[in-house]
Amino acid sequence: MRKGILLAALMLLVACSGASDKRYYQLPAAADAQPLQSSSRTATGHLWLSRINLSDFLAGNGVVYQTSDVQYVTAGNNLWASPLQQQLQQAMVANLSNALPGTLVSTSQISGEQDQLEVDITGFHGRYDGKVVIRGEWRLTHNGTVSRFPINVVLKQDQDGYDALVRTLGQGWQQVCQNIAKQISAVR
């Protein structure tokens, strides 16, 4: 009888530990983003967002958190609702479209005469000191000339938890997009 109770308790413990409470996250939409009305403006230029490339440790399903100066953890239960690369690309197209009126921003190449934007992300994670890190590089090809710019955004996370982490990452990504839009405007 005692073995049966012990076995039942062990099975219950294993069942509870095996059950996961998965949470899925989507980057928040930009607060100032407005729906685009394609009939209300004519594009005079085209910006092709050819790719957003993520470092391997960011390309998985889990939200990444840096636990020390040399260690990173990918969450097993706090996951991206859709691939992070796709979320970053969609947010960048929306933000740049709003920040660069008169420019058609797309992920498709329309002709050989458009500007091309490439983005490499090497950091998009929370950190043990309560900061959020977005790092990488972006390149703009304009009239055959390639210009390279760093991405280095570090923001303080105001609250604990994954919800606050994802919101702060979203704010940081919006800041990256605004900086890119300013640089593109200066180059053109």
Protein backbone atom coordinates (compact mmCIF):
# COMPACT_ATOMS: atom_id res chain seq x y z
CA MET A 1 0.00 0.00 0.00
CA ARG A 2 2.80 2.35 0.91
CA LYS A 3 4.54 1.70 -2.42
CA GLY A 4 1.29 2.48 -4.23
CA ILE A 5 0.88 5.85 -2.48
CA LEU A 6 4.51 6.69 -3.10
CA LEU A 7 4.21 5.71 -6.76
CA ALA A 8 1.01 7.75 -7.17
CA ALA A 9 2.65 10.80 -5.55
CA LEU A 10 5.69 10.42 -7.79
CA MET A 11 3.51 10.16 -10.92
CA LEU A 12 1.58 13.28 -9.88
CA LEU A 13 4.82 15.16 -9.31
CA VAL A 14 6.16 14.13 -12.74
CA ALA A 15 2.87 15.07 -14.42
CA CYS A 16 2.87 18.51 -12.81
CA SER A 17 6.48 19.19 -13.67
CA GLY A 18 5.94 18.07 -17.26
CA ALA A 19 2.99 20.39 -17.80
CA SER A 20 4.24 23.66 -19.18
CA ASP A 21 2.62 27.03 -19.01
CA LYS A 22 3.77 28.39 -22.35
CA ARG A 23 3.34 32.09 -23.04
CA TYR A 24 3.58 33.65 -26.47
CA TYR A 25 4.77 37.18 -27.21
CA GLN A 26 4.35 39.58 -30.09
CA LEU A 27 6.19 42.88 -30.32
CA PRO A 28 3.75 45.73 -29.65
CA ALA A 29 2.63 47.89 -32.53
CA ALA A 30 4.20 51.33 -32.63
CA ALA A 31 2.07 53.84 -30.73
CA ASP A 32 2.32 56.44 -33.48
CA ALA A 33 1.89 54.04 -36.39
CA GLN A 34 -1.17 54.84 -38.43
CA PRO A 35 -2.79 52.61 -41.00
CA LEU A 36 -1.37 53.30 -44.43
CA GLN A 37 -3.79 54.39 -47.10
CA SER A 38 -2.30 53.36 -50.41
CA SER A 39 -4.74 55.47 -52.42
CA SER A 40 -3.93 58.70 -50.57
CA ARG A 41 -0.26 59.03 -51.48
CA THR A 42 1.91 58.29 -54.43
CA ALA A 43 5.31 56.80 -53.81
CA THR A 44 8.16 58.71 -55.41
CA GLY A 45 10.85 56.35 -54.23
CA HIS A 46 11.21 52.72 -53.31
CA LEU A 47 13.11 51.22 -50.38
CA TRP A 48 13.61 47.48 -50.55
CA LEU A 49 14.08 45.87 -47.14
CA SER A 50 15.89 42.89 -48.59
CA ARG A 51 16.54 41.06 -45.33
CA ILE A 52 16.76 41.09 -41.58
CA ASN A 53 19.30 38.53 -40.46
CA LEU A 54 19.39 37.27 -36.86
CA SER A 55 22.34 35.71 -35.07
CA ASP A 56 21.74 32.00 -34.52
CA PHE A 57 21.02 32.33 -30.80
CA LEU A 58 18.18 34.77 -31.56
CA ALA A 59 16.62 32.78 -34.39
CA GLY A 60 14.84 30.23 -32.19
CA ASN A 61 11.33 30.37 -30.76
CA GLY A 62 12.26 31.44 -27.25
CA VAL A 63 12.80 34.93 -25.89
CA VAL A 64 16.51 35.35 -25.06
CA TYR A 65 17.85 36.58 -21.73
CA GLN A 66 21.49 37.23 -20.83
CA THR A 67 22.17 35.88 -17.32
CA SER A 68 25.81 36.99 -16.95
CA ASP A 69 28.51 38.68 -18.98
CA VAL A 70 29.07 35.44 -20.91
CA GLN A 71 25.91 33.34 -20.56
CA TYR A 72 22.61 33.51 -22.47
CA VAL A 73 19.42 31.52 -21.91
CA THR A 74 16.67 30.90 -24.42
CA ALA A 75 13.33 30.62 -22.67
CA GLY A 76 11.48 27.35 -23.08
CA ASN A 77 8.05 28.60 -22.02
CA ASN A 78 8.23 32.27 -23.07
CA LEU A 79 8.10 32.07 -26.84
CA TRP A 80 7.68 34.39 -29.80
CA ALA A 81 4.14 34.13 -31.21
CA SER A 82 5.55 34.28 -34.73
CA PRO A 83 9.19 34.12 -35.83
CA LEU A 84 11.16 37.06 -34.44
CA GLN A 85 12.67 37.82 -37.84
CA GLN A 86 9.16 38.17 -39.29
CA GLN A 87 8.02 40.43 -36.42
CA LEU A 88 11.05 42.69 -36.80
CA GLN A 89 10.57 42.91 -40.56
CA GLN A 90 6.86 43.76 -40.31
CA ALA A 91 7.49 46.39 -37.64
CA MET A 92 10.32 47.94 -39.66
CA VAL A 93 8.23 48.17 -42.83
CA ALA A 94 5.38 49.83 -40.88
CA ASN A 95 7.69 52.25 -39.03
CA LEU A 96 9.73 53.24 -42.09
CA SER A 97 6.59 53.63 -44.21
CA ASN A 98 5.24 56.13 -41.69
CA ALA A 99 8.57 57.91 -41.19
CA LEU A 100 9.40 58.22 -44.91
CA PRO A 101 6.29 59.63 -46.63
CA GLY A 102 6.45 59.29 -50.37
CA THR A 103 8.61 56.18 -50.14
CA LEU A 104 7.24 52.74 -50.87
CA VAL A 105 8.88 50.47 -48.28
CA SER A 106 8.54 46.80 -49.10
CA THR A 107 10.14 43.42 -48.74
CA SER A 108 9.95 42.84 -52.48
CA GLN A 109 12.32 44.07 -55.13
CA ILE A 110 10.36 46.05 -57.69
CA SER A 111 13.09 47.26 -60.04
CA GLY A 112 16.85 47.64 -60.17
CA GLU A 113 16.54 51.36 -59.35
CA GLN A 114 15.56 51.27 -55.69
CA ASP A 115 17.50 51.74 -52.49
CA GLN A 116 18.26 48.52 -50.65
CA LEU A 117 18.30 48.07 -46.87
CA GLU A 118 19.88 45.09 -45.11
CA VAL A 119 19.86 44.60 -41.34
CA ASP A 120 21.93 42.21 -39.21
CA ILE A 121 20.86 41.80 -35.58
CA THR A 122 23.42 40.39 -33.14
CA GLY A 123 21.61 41.31 -29.92
CA PHE A 124 17.88 41.47 -29.16
CA HIS A 125 17.52 40.37 -25.56
CA GLY A 126 17.09 41.25 -21.92
CA ARG A 127 20.07 41.42 -19.61
CA TYR A 128 20.77 40.52 -15.97
CA ASP A 129 21.23 44.19 -14.98
CA GLY A 130 17.67 45.15 -15.97
CA LYS A 131 18.60 46.50 -19.38
CA VAL A 132 17.41 45.55 -22.85
CA VAL A 133 19.99 45.30 -25.62
CA ILE A 134 19.54 45.70 -29.37
CA ARG A 135 22.76 45.50 -31.37
CA GLY A 136 23.78 44.94 -34.93
CA GLU A 137 24.40 46.77 -38.15
CA TRP A 138 22.43 48.02 -41.11
CA ARG A 139 23.53 48.79 -44.65
CA LEU A 140 21.93 51.08 -47.19
CA THR A 141 22.72 50.81 -50.88
CA HIS A 142 21.85 54.13 -52.54
CA ASN A 143 22.90 54.95 -56.13
CA GLY A 144 25.41 52.11 -56.05
CA THR A 145 27.08 53.31 -52.84
CA VAL A 146 26.90 51.16 -49.71
CA SER A 147 26.81 52.94 -46.33
CA ARG A 148 27.15 51.00 -43.06
CA PHE A 149 25.72 52.08 -39.71
CA PRO A 150 25.86 50.45 -36.26
CA ILE A 151 22.85 49.59 -34.14
CA ASN A 152 23.47 49.96 -30.43
CA VAL A 153 20.43 50.58 -28.27
CA VAL A 154 20.42 49.87 -24.53
CA LEU A 155 17.24 50.71 -22.62
CA LYS A 156 16.31 50.30 -18.96
CA GLN A 157 13.51 47.83 -18.37
CA ASP A 158 11.06 49.57 -16.01
CA GLN A 159 9.48 46.41 -14.57
CA ASP A 160 10.39 42.76 -14.10
CA GLY A 161 9.04 39.97 -16.26
CA TYR A 162 8.77 38.93 -19.86
CA ASP A 163 5.83 41.26 -20.62
CA ALA A 164 7.96 44.28 -19.70
CA LEU A 165 10.96 42.81 -21.52
CA VAL A 166 9.02 42.42 -24.78
CA ARG A 167 7.47 45.91 -24.46
CA THR A 168 10.92 47.43 -23.93
CA LEU A 169 12.34 45.47 -26.88
CA GLY A 170 9.46 46.87 -28.96
CA GLN A 171 10.30 50.43 -27.86
CA GLY A 172 13.94 49.83 -28.69
CA TRP A 173 13.09 48.46 -32.13
CA GLN A 174 10.93 51.49 -32.82
CA GLN A 175 13.90 53.67 -31.85
CA VAL A 176 16.14 51.71 -34.25
CA CYS A 177 13.61 52.24 -37.05
CA GLN A 178 13.40 55.98 -36.32
CA ASN A 179 17.21 56.27 -36.40
CA ILE A 180 17.34 54.39 -39.71
CA ALA A 181 14.65 56.65 -41.18
CA LYS A 182 16.61 59.77 -40.17
CA GLN A 183 19.82 58.44 -41.72
CA ILE A 184 18.03 57.42 -44.93
CA SER A 185 16.48 60.90 -45.19
CA ALA A 186 19.95 62.45 -44.74
CA VAL A 187 21.49 60.23 -47.44
CA ARG A 188 18.74 60.96 -49.97
